[in-house]
Every structure is written in structure tokens, then in C-alpha cells.
Amino acid sequence: MKSDWLVKAVFWFLIVIGVLVLTGIYWLLVVAIPALITLFAFLYQQRVGKRTLENLAIRPDTELSGELVNKDNASYSGPIISLVELDRYREKHAEIAKTAQVTESVTLPINGGLYAFSTTDSTDHHDVENVVLLACVDFAVVGEVRMIETSEIAEEVLRLGGAVKCILNTKFQADGKVKEIRLHPFQGKWPKKA
């Protein structure tokens, strides 16, 4: 009799342990693992979203914030000049070459804008000593006006509101790299957007 009681106790102990193990496995498969996968996916999405927002943020050294130069802005009418610091904006040149489908050495006139920015916190909008002039296609900076030419051109740009439309004659190499960009006065009409 005593041995029957011991066998029954061991049997019920094994059944209880088996039920607990099966419940634990079921809980792991149905609750814990999906919860971990969901948590991992959520954290990964947050990380990718944050990185995407960082990539979309305006970078002051290559992109401009604010209003795009449009048909209502004044036109540049100064001398033809070559832009400098082209290597800093190679990434933007590659995007423009891809959009323009450059496959051979070619010079393309591109509608652009010339923006005046102060290098200091000066509130005097006519102070041309601390001005840098950036040439842009849409919001992408593609080059800068040489410092020794800035003061002469900055007076006109600042007089016209700090932003003027211009033509950027861009000389591409066959591989899409920009060899030279020359700033020309804007003539004609600004293209209409659909």
C-alpha cells in the first residue's frame, strides 16, 4: 500500500511538472517570443526613423533652409564668375548629374539661386565684410563665390533681398563629375512648375 501511494505521488508530480513545462513552452511560443520580436522590431524602427530624420535634417554646409528662389525674386545681373569650393559639394553635383542624365562631357545651363549669408551674428543687412555667397540648385548648395569677389557681388545681392536667381553654367565630365561652374546673369523666364 505504501508503495502505491509513492507511485501515485510520483505519477501526479510528473503530471504537474509536465503540465507546467507545457504551459511554459506554450507561454514562450505564444507570448514571450512574439513580444521580444515585436520589441526588437519597434526598437529597430525607432533607430531607423531617427537616422532617417537625421538624414532629412538640413545640413548648413550643403543645404539651405527657408524659401527657395522663385520667379518673384530678383535676377542676378552682375559679371560672369567661376564658383569655388566645388569639392565640398560633390555629393550634390552627383545628384544633379544623375537627374540631368549626363553621359558625356557637356556644359548645361541650370536655373539656380545665389544666397547671401552672414558669417557673424551681425544684424546689419548691408555689411558685406562678413558675407558668404552660396550658389544653389533648389535647396542644394553647389558652390561658393570666391572671397575676393564676394564684396562686389554681395552689395547687389543684399540690395535685392539676399537671394537672387541666376544661371549656373555647369561643365560636367563624362563620368558626371563637375569640372567647373560659372555664375551667369539670369535672362529669360523662370520655368513654370506643374
N, C-alpha and C. Protein backbone atom coordinates (compact mmCIF):
# COMPACT_ATOMS: atom_id res chain seq x y z
N MET A 1 0.80 -1.18 0.00
CA MET A 1 0.00 0.00 0.00
C MET A 1 0.84 1.26 0.00
N LYS A 2 1.88 1.20 0.82
CA LYS A 2 2.72 2.35 0.89
C LYS A 2 3.38 2.64 -0.44
N SER A 3 3.73 1.60 -1.14
CA SER A 3 4.38 1.78 -2.43
C SER A 3 3.39 2.33 -3.46
N ASP A 4 2.08 1.93 -3.34
CA ASP A 4 1.07 2.52 -4.24
C ASP A 4 0.97 4.02 -4.05
N TRP A 5 0.98 4.43 -2.80
CA TRP A 5 0.89 5.87 -2.51
C TRP A 5 2.09 6.60 -3.10
N LEU A 6 3.29 6.04 -2.99
CA LEU A 6 4.51 6.64 -3.52
C LEU A 6 4.47 6.70 -5.03
N VAL A 7 3.98 5.65 -5.67
CA VAL A 7 3.88 5.63 -7.14
C VAL A 7 2.88 6.69 -7.60
N LYS A 8 1.73 6.78 -6.88
CA LYS A 8 0.73 7.79 -7.24
C LYS A 8 1.29 9.19 -7.06
N ALA A 9 2.05 9.43 -6.01
CA ALA A 9 2.62 10.76 -5.75
C ALA A 9 3.62 11.13 -6.84
N VAL A 10 4.50 10.18 -7.20
CA VAL A 10 5.47 10.44 -8.27
C VAL A 10 4.74 10.67 -9.58
N PHE A 11 3.71 9.85 -9.86
CA PHE A 11 2.94 9.99 -11.09
C PHE A 11 2.30 11.38 -11.17
N TRP A 12 1.64 11.80 -10.10
CA TRP A 12 1.00 13.12 -10.10
C TRP A 12 2.04 14.25 -10.14
N PHE A 13 3.16 14.04 -9.50
CA PHE A 13 4.24 15.03 -9.55
C PHE A 13 4.72 15.20 -10.99
N LEU A 14 4.92 14.08 -11.70
CA LEU A 14 5.35 14.14 -13.10
C LEU A 14 4.29 14.81 -13.98
N ILE A 15 3.02 14.52 -13.72
CA ILE A 15 1.94 15.15 -14.50
C ILE A 15 1.93 16.65 -14.26
N VAL A 16 2.05 17.08 -13.01
CA VAL A 16 2.05 18.51 -12.69
C VAL A 16 3.25 19.19 -13.34
N ILE A 17 4.43 18.57 -13.23
CA ILE A 17 5.63 19.12 -13.84
C ILE A 17 5.45 19.18 -15.36
N GLY A 18 4.90 18.13 -15.95
CA GLY A 18 4.66 18.10 -17.41
C GLY A 18 3.71 19.21 -17.85
N VAL A 19 2.63 19.41 -17.06
CA VAL A 19 1.68 20.48 -17.38
C VAL A 19 2.36 21.84 -17.26
N LEU A 20 3.16 22.01 -16.20
CA LEU A 20 3.88 23.28 -16.04
C LEU A 20 4.87 23.51 -17.19
N VAL A 21 5.57 22.47 -17.60
CA VAL A 21 6.53 22.59 -18.71
C VAL A 21 5.78 22.93 -20.00
N LEU A 22 4.69 22.23 -20.27
CA LEU A 22 3.90 22.51 -21.48
C LEU A 22 3.32 23.93 -21.44
N THR A 23 2.86 24.36 -20.27
CA THR A 23 2.34 25.72 -20.12
C THR A 23 3.46 26.74 -20.36
N GLY A 24 4.63 26.44 -19.83
CA GLY A 24 5.78 27.32 -20.02
C GLY A 24 6.19 27.41 -21.48
N ILE A 25 6.22 26.28 -22.17
CA ILE A 25 6.56 26.26 -23.60
C ILE A 25 5.50 27.02 -24.39
N TYR A 26 4.24 26.76 -24.09
CA TYR A 26 3.15 27.47 -24.76
C TYR A 26 3.28 28.98 -24.53
N TRP A 27 3.54 29.38 -23.29
CA TRP A 27 3.69 30.80 -22.96
C TRP A 27 4.86 31.41 -23.72
N LEU A 28 5.99 30.67 -23.80
CA LEU A 28 7.15 31.16 -24.55
C LEU A 28 6.81 31.34 -26.04
N LEU A 29 6.15 30.34 -26.62
CA LEU A 29 5.83 30.40 -28.05
C LEU A 29 4.76 31.43 -28.38
N VAL A 30 3.79 31.60 -27.52
CA VAL A 30 2.66 32.46 -27.83
C VAL A 30 2.84 33.88 -27.30
N VAL A 31 3.53 34.05 -26.18
CA VAL A 31 3.62 35.37 -25.55
C VAL A 31 5.05 35.93 -25.60
N ALA A 32 6.01 35.25 -25.03
CA ALA A 32 7.34 35.82 -24.83
C ALA A 32 8.09 36.06 -26.14
N ILE A 33 8.18 35.06 -26.99
CA ILE A 33 8.93 35.21 -28.25
C ILE A 33 8.28 36.26 -29.15
N PRO A 34 6.96 36.24 -29.38
CA PRO A 34 6.37 37.32 -30.18
C PRO A 34 6.56 38.71 -29.55
N ALA A 35 6.51 38.77 -28.21
CA ALA A 35 6.73 40.05 -27.55
C ALA A 35 8.15 40.53 -27.78
N LEU A 36 9.13 39.64 -27.70
CA LEU A 36 10.52 40.01 -27.96
C LEU A 36 10.73 40.44 -29.41
N ILE A 37 10.12 39.72 -30.33
CA ILE A 37 10.22 40.08 -31.75
C ILE A 37 9.60 41.45 -31.99
N THR A 38 8.43 41.69 -31.40
CA THR A 38 7.76 42.98 -31.54
C THR A 38 8.60 44.10 -30.93
N LEU A 39 9.18 43.85 -29.77
CA LEU A 39 10.04 44.85 -29.12
C LEU A 39 11.27 45.14 -29.97
N PHE A 40 11.90 44.10 -30.50
CA PHE A 40 13.05 44.27 -31.36
C PHE A 40 12.68 45.07 -32.61
N ALA A 41 11.56 44.74 -33.23
CA ALA A 41 11.11 45.45 -34.43
C ALA A 41 10.82 46.91 -34.11
N PHE A 42 10.19 47.17 -32.97
CA PHE A 42 9.89 48.55 -32.57
C PHE A 42 11.16 49.35 -32.35
N LEU A 43 12.13 48.77 -31.62
CA LEU A 43 13.40 49.47 -31.38
C LEU A 43 14.16 49.71 -32.68
N TYR A 44 14.15 48.73 -33.57
CA TYR A 44 14.82 48.89 -34.86
C TYR A 44 14.16 49.99 -35.68
N GLN A 45 12.82 50.01 -35.67
CA GLN A 45 12.08 51.04 -36.41
C GLN A 45 12.38 52.42 -35.84
N GLN A 46 12.46 52.54 -34.53
CA GLN A 46 12.79 53.82 -33.89
C GLN A 46 14.18 54.28 -34.32
N ARG A 47 15.12 53.35 -34.33
CA ARG A 47 16.50 53.68 -34.70
C ARG A 47 16.57 54.12 -36.16
N VAL A 48 15.93 53.38 -37.04
CA VAL A 48 15.91 53.74 -38.46
C VAL A 48 15.19 55.07 -38.66
N GLY A 49 14.08 55.27 -37.96
CA GLY A 49 13.34 56.53 -38.07
C GLY A 49 14.18 57.71 -37.61
N LYS A 50 14.91 57.53 -36.53
CA LYS A 50 15.77 58.62 -36.03
C LYS A 50 16.87 58.92 -37.04
N ARG A 51 17.48 57.88 -37.60
CA ARG A 51 18.53 58.07 -38.59
C ARG A 51 17.97 58.74 -39.84
N THR A 52 16.76 58.35 -40.24
CA THR A 52 16.13 58.97 -41.40
C THR A 52 15.88 60.45 -41.15
N LEU A 53 15.38 60.79 -39.96
CA LEU A 53 15.16 62.19 -39.63
C LEU A 53 16.47 62.97 -39.63
N GLU A 54 17.55 62.34 -39.14
CA GLU A 54 18.85 63.00 -39.17
C GLU A 54 19.30 63.23 -40.60
N ASN A 55 19.06 62.25 -41.48
CA ASN A 55 19.43 62.40 -42.89
C ASN A 55 18.60 63.47 -43.58
N LEU A 56 17.36 63.62 -43.16
CA LEU A 56 16.48 64.62 -43.77
C LEU A 56 16.71 66.01 -43.20
N ALA A 57 17.39 66.10 -42.08
CA ALA A 57 17.64 67.41 -41.47
C ALA A 57 18.53 68.25 -42.38
N ILE A 58 18.30 69.53 -42.39
CA ILE A 58 19.08 70.42 -43.23
C ILE A 58 20.49 70.53 -42.68
N ARG A 59 21.47 70.31 -43.55
CA ARG A 59 22.87 70.44 -43.17
C ARG A 59 23.35 71.79 -43.66
N PRO A 60 23.73 72.69 -42.73
CA PRO A 60 24.07 74.06 -43.12
C PRO A 60 25.21 74.17 -44.12
N ASP A 61 26.11 73.18 -44.15
CA ASP A 61 27.24 73.29 -45.07
C ASP A 61 26.90 72.85 -46.49
N THR A 62 25.78 72.16 -46.69
CA THR A 62 25.44 71.72 -48.04
C THR A 62 24.02 72.04 -48.47
N GLU A 63 23.15 72.43 -47.56
CA GLU A 63 21.77 72.71 -47.92
C GLU A 63 21.29 73.96 -47.22
N LEU A 64 20.29 74.59 -47.82
CA LEU A 64 19.75 75.82 -47.26
C LEU A 64 18.36 75.58 -46.74
N SER A 65 18.00 76.33 -45.73
CA SER A 65 16.64 76.31 -45.25
C SER A 65 15.95 77.58 -45.72
N GLY A 66 14.67 77.61 -45.58
CA GLY A 66 13.96 78.83 -45.94
C GLY A 66 13.33 78.74 -47.31
N GLU A 67 13.07 79.89 -47.87
CA GLU A 67 12.37 79.96 -49.14
C GLU A 67 13.30 79.67 -50.31
N LEU A 68 12.81 78.92 -51.24
CA LEU A 68 13.51 78.64 -52.48
C LEU A 68 13.44 79.88 -53.36
N VAL A 69 14.51 80.17 -54.09
CA VAL A 69 14.47 81.29 -55.01
C VAL A 69 13.41 80.96 -56.06
N ASN A 70 12.49 81.86 -56.29
CA ASN A 70 11.42 81.59 -57.25
C ASN A 70 11.30 82.72 -58.26
N LYS A 71 10.28 82.66 -59.08
CA LYS A 71 10.12 83.63 -60.16
C LYS A 71 9.93 85.06 -59.65
N ASP A 72 9.53 85.22 -58.40
CA ASP A 72 9.31 86.56 -57.87
C ASP A 72 10.59 87.22 -57.37
N ASN A 73 11.65 86.44 -57.16
CA ASN A 73 12.90 87.01 -56.70
C ASN A 73 13.59 87.78 -57.82
N ALA A 74 14.42 88.70 -57.43
CA ALA A 74 15.18 89.49 -58.39
C ALA A 74 16.20 88.61 -59.10
N SER A 75 16.67 89.09 -60.24
CA SER A 75 17.64 88.34 -61.03
C SER A 75 19.03 88.91 -60.85
N TYR A 76 20.01 88.02 -60.83
CA TYR A 76 21.41 88.43 -60.78
C TYR A 76 21.76 89.07 -62.11
N SER A 77 22.45 90.20 -62.06
CA SER A 77 22.83 90.88 -63.30
C SER A 77 24.29 91.29 -63.30
N GLY A 78 25.08 90.70 -62.40
CA GLY A 78 26.49 91.05 -62.29
C GLY A 78 27.36 90.33 -63.31
N PRO A 79 28.66 90.36 -63.07
CA PRO A 79 29.60 89.74 -64.02
C PRO A 79 29.54 88.21 -63.96
N ILE A 80 30.06 87.58 -65.00
CA ILE A 80 30.19 86.12 -65.03
C ILE A 80 31.39 85.76 -64.17
N ILE A 81 31.18 84.86 -63.22
CA ILE A 81 32.27 84.45 -62.33
C ILE A 81 32.28 82.94 -62.16
N SER A 82 33.46 82.43 -61.84
CA SER A 82 33.60 80.99 -61.56
C SER A 82 33.39 80.74 -60.08
N LEU A 83 32.70 79.66 -59.78
CA LEU A 83 32.46 79.29 -58.38
C LEU A 83 33.63 78.45 -57.87
N VAL A 84 33.83 78.49 -56.55
CA VAL A 84 34.90 77.72 -55.92
C VAL A 84 34.32 76.77 -54.88
N GLU A 85 35.19 76.02 -54.24
CA GLU A 85 34.81 75.03 -53.22
C GLU A 85 33.89 73.95 -53.79
N LEU A 86 34.10 73.59 -55.04
CA LEU A 86 33.25 72.59 -55.68
C LEU A 86 33.39 71.20 -55.05
N ASP A 87 34.60 70.89 -54.56
CA ASP A 87 34.81 69.56 -53.96
C ASP A 87 33.95 69.34 -52.73
N ARG A 88 33.63 70.40 -52.01
CA ARG A 88 32.79 70.26 -50.80
C ARG A 88 31.39 69.78 -51.13
N TYR A 89 30.94 70.01 -52.36
CA TYR A 89 29.55 69.73 -52.73
C TYR A 89 29.45 68.64 -53.81
N ARG A 90 30.46 67.78 -53.89
CA ARG A 90 30.48 66.70 -54.88
C ARG A 90 29.23 65.83 -54.84
N GLU A 91 28.75 65.56 -53.62
CA GLU A 91 27.56 64.73 -53.45
C GLU A 91 26.35 65.34 -54.16
N LYS A 92 26.20 66.65 -54.06
CA LYS A 92 25.08 67.34 -54.72
C LYS A 92 25.26 67.35 -56.23
N HIS A 93 26.51 67.51 -56.69
CA HIS A 93 26.78 67.50 -58.13
C HIS A 93 26.40 66.15 -58.73
N ALA A 94 26.70 65.08 -58.00
CA ALA A 94 26.36 63.74 -58.50
C ALA A 94 24.85 63.58 -58.66
N GLU A 95 24.08 64.13 -57.71
CA GLU A 95 22.61 64.06 -57.82
C GLU A 95 22.12 64.84 -59.04
N ILE A 96 22.71 66.02 -59.26
CA ILE A 96 22.30 66.84 -60.41
C ILE A 96 22.67 66.14 -61.71
N ALA A 97 23.86 65.54 -61.78
CA ALA A 97 24.30 64.82 -62.98
C ALA A 97 23.37 63.64 -63.26
N LYS A 98 22.96 62.97 -62.20
CA LYS A 98 22.04 61.83 -62.38
C LYS A 98 20.69 62.32 -62.89
N THR A 99 20.19 63.40 -62.33
CA THR A 99 18.91 63.96 -62.78
C THR A 99 18.99 64.44 -64.22
N ALA A 100 20.14 65.04 -64.57
CA ALA A 100 20.32 65.56 -65.94
C ALA A 100 20.74 64.48 -66.92
N GLN A 101 20.93 63.26 -66.46
CA GLN A 101 21.32 62.11 -67.28
C GLN A 101 22.59 62.40 -68.07
N VAL A 102 23.61 62.86 -67.37
CA VAL A 102 24.89 63.18 -68.01
C VAL A 102 25.62 61.89 -68.34
N THR A 103 25.96 61.72 -69.63
CA THR A 103 26.69 60.53 -70.08
C THR A 103 27.93 60.90 -70.88
N GLU A 104 28.12 62.19 -71.14
CA GLU A 104 29.28 62.65 -71.89
C GLU A 104 29.66 64.03 -71.37
N SER A 105 30.85 64.49 -71.77
CA SER A 105 31.28 65.83 -71.37
C SER A 105 30.33 66.85 -71.98
N VAL A 106 29.73 67.67 -71.12
CA VAL A 106 28.72 68.61 -71.59
C VAL A 106 28.66 69.79 -70.62
N THR A 107 28.26 70.95 -71.14
CA THR A 107 28.01 72.11 -70.31
C THR A 107 26.52 72.40 -70.34
N LEU A 108 25.90 72.42 -69.17
CA LEU A 108 24.46 72.63 -69.08
C LEU A 108 24.15 73.91 -68.32
N PRO A 109 23.27 74.75 -68.84
CA PRO A 109 22.80 75.90 -68.07
C PRO A 109 21.70 75.44 -67.11
N ILE A 110 21.89 75.67 -65.84
CA ILE A 110 20.93 75.22 -64.82
C ILE A 110 20.41 76.44 -64.08
N ASN A 111 19.08 76.53 -63.95
CA ASN A 111 18.50 77.62 -63.16
C ASN A 111 18.85 77.42 -61.71
N GLY A 112 19.34 78.47 -61.08
CA GLY A 112 19.73 78.35 -59.69
C GLY A 112 19.49 79.64 -58.94
N GLY A 113 20.02 79.68 -57.75
CA GLY A 113 19.89 80.86 -56.91
C GLY A 113 21.21 81.19 -56.25
N LEU A 114 21.38 82.46 -55.93
CA LEU A 114 22.56 82.92 -55.22
C LEU A 114 22.07 83.54 -53.92
N TYR A 115 22.54 83.01 -52.80
CA TYR A 115 22.08 83.42 -51.48
C TYR A 115 23.23 84.08 -50.72
N ALA A 116 22.92 85.13 -49.99
CA ALA A 116 23.91 85.82 -49.15
C ALA A 116 23.66 85.45 -47.70
N PHE A 117 24.73 85.02 -47.02
CA PHE A 117 24.66 84.67 -45.61
C PHE A 117 25.75 85.39 -44.85
N SER A 118 25.45 85.79 -43.63
CA SER A 118 26.44 86.45 -42.78
C SER A 118 27.22 85.38 -42.03
N THR A 119 28.52 85.57 -41.94
CA THR A 119 29.36 84.62 -41.21
C THR A 119 29.42 84.98 -39.73
N THR A 120 28.82 86.11 -39.35
CA THR A 120 28.77 86.53 -37.94
C THR A 120 27.32 86.72 -37.55
N ASP A 121 27.10 87.14 -36.33
CA ASP A 121 25.74 87.40 -35.86
C ASP A 121 25.32 88.84 -36.12
N SER A 122 25.92 89.46 -37.09
CA SER A 122 25.64 90.87 -37.39
C SER A 122 24.20 91.03 -37.85
N THR A 123 23.55 92.08 -37.38
CA THR A 123 22.17 92.36 -37.79
C THR A 123 22.11 93.39 -38.91
N ASP A 124 23.27 93.92 -39.29
CA ASP A 124 23.34 94.90 -40.37
C ASP A 124 23.28 94.15 -41.70
N HIS A 125 22.16 94.30 -42.43
CA HIS A 125 21.97 93.55 -43.67
C HIS A 125 22.77 94.12 -44.83
N HIS A 126 23.47 95.21 -44.63
CA HIS A 126 24.26 95.80 -45.70
C HIS A 126 25.75 95.69 -45.42
N ASP A 127 26.14 94.91 -44.40
CA ASP A 127 27.54 94.70 -44.06
C ASP A 127 28.09 93.60 -44.96
N VAL A 128 28.88 93.96 -45.97
CA VAL A 128 29.37 92.98 -46.94
C VAL A 128 30.72 92.38 -46.54
N GLU A 129 31.26 92.83 -45.44
CA GLU A 129 32.57 92.32 -45.00
C GLU A 129 32.48 90.87 -44.51
N ASN A 130 31.37 90.51 -43.91
CA ASN A 130 31.23 89.17 -43.33
C ASN A 130 30.17 88.33 -44.05
N VAL A 131 30.13 88.46 -45.37
CA VAL A 131 29.12 87.75 -46.15
C VAL A 131 29.77 86.63 -46.94
N VAL A 132 29.07 85.51 -47.00
CA VAL A 132 29.46 84.42 -47.89
C VAL A 132 28.30 84.24 -48.87
N LEU A 133 28.62 84.04 -50.14
CA LEU A 133 27.61 83.86 -51.18
C LEU A 133 27.62 82.41 -51.64
N LEU A 134 26.47 81.74 -51.50
CA LEU A 134 26.34 80.34 -51.87
C LEU A 134 25.44 80.21 -53.09
N ALA A 135 25.91 79.45 -54.07
CA ALA A 135 25.11 79.18 -55.26
C ALA A 135 24.41 77.85 -55.06
N CYS A 136 23.11 77.81 -55.42
CA CYS A 136 22.30 76.62 -55.14
C CYS A 136 21.46 76.22 -56.34
N VAL A 137 21.16 74.95 -56.39
CA VAL A 137 20.15 74.41 -57.29
C VAL A 137 19.09 73.85 -56.37
N ASP A 138 17.90 74.41 -56.42
CA ASP A 138 16.86 74.14 -55.44
C ASP A 138 17.42 74.47 -54.06
N PHE A 139 17.43 73.51 -53.12
CA PHE A 139 17.98 73.79 -51.80
C PHE A 139 19.41 73.28 -51.64
N ALA A 140 19.98 72.67 -52.66
CA ALA A 140 21.31 72.07 -52.56
C ALA A 140 22.39 73.08 -52.94
N VAL A 141 23.34 73.30 -52.04
CA VAL A 141 24.46 74.18 -52.32
C VAL A 141 25.41 73.46 -53.28
N VAL A 142 25.81 74.15 -54.35
CA VAL A 142 26.70 73.54 -55.34
C VAL A 142 28.05 74.24 -55.44
N GLY A 143 28.17 75.44 -54.88
CA GLY A 143 29.44 76.15 -54.94
C GLY A 143 29.35 77.47 -54.19
N GLU A 144 30.51 78.14 -54.09
CA GLU A 144 30.59 79.41 -53.39
C GLU A 144 31.27 80.45 -54.28
N VAL A 145 30.94 81.71 -54.05
CA VAL A 145 31.62 82.80 -54.74
C VAL A 145 32.95 83.02 -54.04
N ARG A 146 34.00 83.19 -54.83
CA ARG A 146 35.35 83.42 -54.30
C ARG A 146 35.35 84.63 -53.37
N MET A 147 36.04 84.53 -52.26
CA MET A 147 36.03 85.58 -51.24
C MET A 147 36.43 86.95 -51.79
N ILE A 148 37.39 87.01 -52.69
CA ILE A 148 37.83 88.32 -53.20
C ILE A 148 36.79 88.95 -54.13
N GLU A 149 35.83 88.16 -54.61
CA GLU A 149 34.76 88.69 -55.46
C GLU A 149 33.47 88.91 -54.68
N THR A 150 33.42 88.44 -53.46
CA THR A 150 32.18 88.48 -52.68
C THR A 150 31.68 89.89 -52.41
N SER A 151 32.57 90.79 -51.98
CA SER A 151 32.08 92.12 -51.57
C SER A 151 31.41 92.86 -52.72
N GLU A 152 31.95 92.75 -53.92
CA GLU A 152 31.36 93.42 -55.08
C GLU A 152 29.97 92.86 -55.41
N ILE A 153 29.85 91.56 -55.38
CA ILE A 153 28.59 90.91 -55.76
C ILE A 153 27.59 90.96 -54.60
N ALA A 154 28.08 90.87 -53.36
CA ALA A 154 27.20 90.86 -52.19
C ALA A 154 26.38 92.13 -52.10
N GLU A 155 26.94 93.26 -52.49
CA GLU A 155 26.18 94.52 -52.45
C GLU A 155 24.92 94.41 -53.28
N GLU A 156 25.05 93.87 -54.49
CA GLU A 156 23.88 93.72 -55.36
C GLU A 156 22.90 92.71 -54.78
N VAL A 157 23.40 91.56 -54.30
CA VAL A 157 22.52 90.51 -53.78
C VAL A 157 21.78 91.00 -52.54
N LEU A 158 22.48 91.69 -51.65
CA LEU A 158 21.84 92.20 -50.44
C LEU A 158 20.84 93.30 -50.77
N ARG A 159 21.16 94.12 -51.75
CA ARG A 159 20.24 95.19 -52.16
C ARG A 159 18.94 94.59 -52.70
N LEU A 160 19.03 93.41 -53.31
CA LEU A 160 17.86 92.76 -53.90
C LEU A 160 17.17 91.79 -52.94
N GLY A 161 17.56 91.80 -51.66
CA GLY A 161 16.86 90.98 -50.67
C GLY A 161 17.62 89.79 -50.17
N GLY A 162 18.84 89.57 -50.60
CA GLY A 162 19.65 88.46 -50.10
C GLY A 162 19.54 87.18 -50.89
N ALA A 163 18.66 87.15 -51.87
CA ALA A 163 18.52 85.96 -52.72
C ALA A 163 18.15 86.40 -54.13
N VAL A 164 18.92 85.92 -55.10
CA VAL A 164 18.64 86.26 -56.50
C VAL A 164 18.69 85.00 -57.34
N LYS A 165 17.94 85.00 -58.43
CA LYS A 165 18.01 83.86 -59.34
C LYS A 165 19.12 84.11 -60.34
N CYS A 166 19.72 83.02 -60.80
CA CYS A 166 20.86 83.12 -61.71
C CYS A 166 20.91 81.85 -62.56
N ILE A 167 21.84 81.86 -63.51
CA ILE A 167 22.10 80.67 -64.32
C ILE A 167 23.45 80.12 -63.89
N LEU A 168 23.51 78.84 -63.64
CA LEU A 168 24.75 78.18 -63.28
C LEU A 168 25.17 77.30 -64.45
N ASN A 169 26.10 77.82 -65.27
CA ASN A 169 26.61 77.04 -66.40
C ASN A 169 27.55 75.99 -65.83
N THR A 170 27.12 74.75 -65.85
CA THR A 170 27.83 73.66 -65.19
C THR A 170 28.48 72.77 -66.23
N LYS A 171 29.80 72.66 -66.15
CA LYS A 171 30.56 71.83 -67.09
C LYS A 171 30.80 70.47 -66.44
N PHE A 172 30.15 69.44 -67.00
CA PHE A 172 30.26 68.08 -66.50
C PHE A 172 31.30 67.31 -67.30
N GLN A 173 32.00 66.40 -66.63
CA GLN A 173 32.85 65.44 -67.32
C GLN A 173 31.97 64.25 -67.69
N ALA A 174 32.50 63.34 -68.50
CA ALA A 174 31.72 62.19 -68.97
C ALA A 174 31.24 61.31 -67.81
N ASP A 175 32.00 61.27 -66.71
CA ASP A 175 31.61 60.43 -65.57
C ASP A 175 30.64 61.13 -64.63
N GLY A 176 30.20 62.35 -64.98
CA GLY A 176 29.23 63.07 -64.18
C GLY A 176 29.84 64.02 -63.17
N LYS A 177 31.15 64.02 -63.03
CA LYS A 177 31.80 64.95 -62.10
C LYS A 177 31.78 66.35 -62.68
N VAL A 178 31.66 67.33 -61.79
CA VAL A 178 31.63 68.72 -62.22
C VAL A 178 33.05 69.24 -62.34
N LYS A 179 33.35 69.79 -63.50
CA LYS A 179 34.68 70.34 -63.74
C LYS A 179 34.71 71.82 -63.39
N GLU A 180 33.61 72.52 -63.70
CA GLU A 180 33.56 73.96 -63.48
C GLU A 180 32.11 74.41 -63.43
N ILE A 181 31.84 75.41 -62.60
CA ILE A 181 30.52 76.06 -62.57
C ILE A 181 30.77 77.55 -62.68
N ARG A 182 30.11 78.16 -63.66
CA ARG A 182 30.22 79.61 -63.85
C ARG A 182 28.85 80.24 -63.62
N LEU A 183 28.85 81.29 -62.82
CA LEU A 183 27.63 82.02 -62.48
C LEU A 183 27.37 83.07 -63.55
N HIS A 184 26.19 83.02 -64.17
CA HIS A 184 25.81 83.96 -65.23
C HIS A 184 24.58 84.75 -64.81
N PRO A 185 24.42 85.94 -65.35
CA PRO A 185 23.18 86.69 -65.09
C PRO A 185 21.98 85.91 -65.59
N PHE A 186 20.89 86.06 -64.89
CA PHE A 186 19.65 85.37 -65.28
C PHE A 186 18.95 86.18 -66.35
N GLN A 187 18.61 85.51 -67.44
CA GLN A 187 17.86 86.15 -68.51
C GLN A 187 16.75 85.20 -68.92
N GLY A 188 15.64 85.74 -69.31
CA GLY A 188 14.54 84.88 -69.73
C GLY A 188 13.53 84.69 -68.64
N LYS A 189 12.80 83.60 -68.72
CA LYS A 189 11.72 83.33 -67.77
C LYS A 189 12.06 82.13 -66.91
N TRP A 190 11.59 82.19 -65.69
CA TRP A 190 11.72 81.06 -64.76
C TRP A 190 10.71 80.00 -65.19
N PRO A 191 11.11 78.73 -65.30
CA PRO A 191 10.16 77.70 -65.76
C PRO A 191 9.00 77.53 -64.78
N LYS A 192 7.83 77.28 -65.35
CA LYS A 192 6.64 77.07 -64.51
C LYS A 192 6.63 75.63 -64.03
N LYS A 193 6.21 75.46 -62.79
CA LYS A 193 6.09 74.12 -62.22
C LYS A 193 4.64 73.66 -62.40
N ALA A 194 4.51 72.40 -62.71
CA ALA A 194 3.17 71.85 -62.93
C ALA A 194 2.44 71.66 -61.66
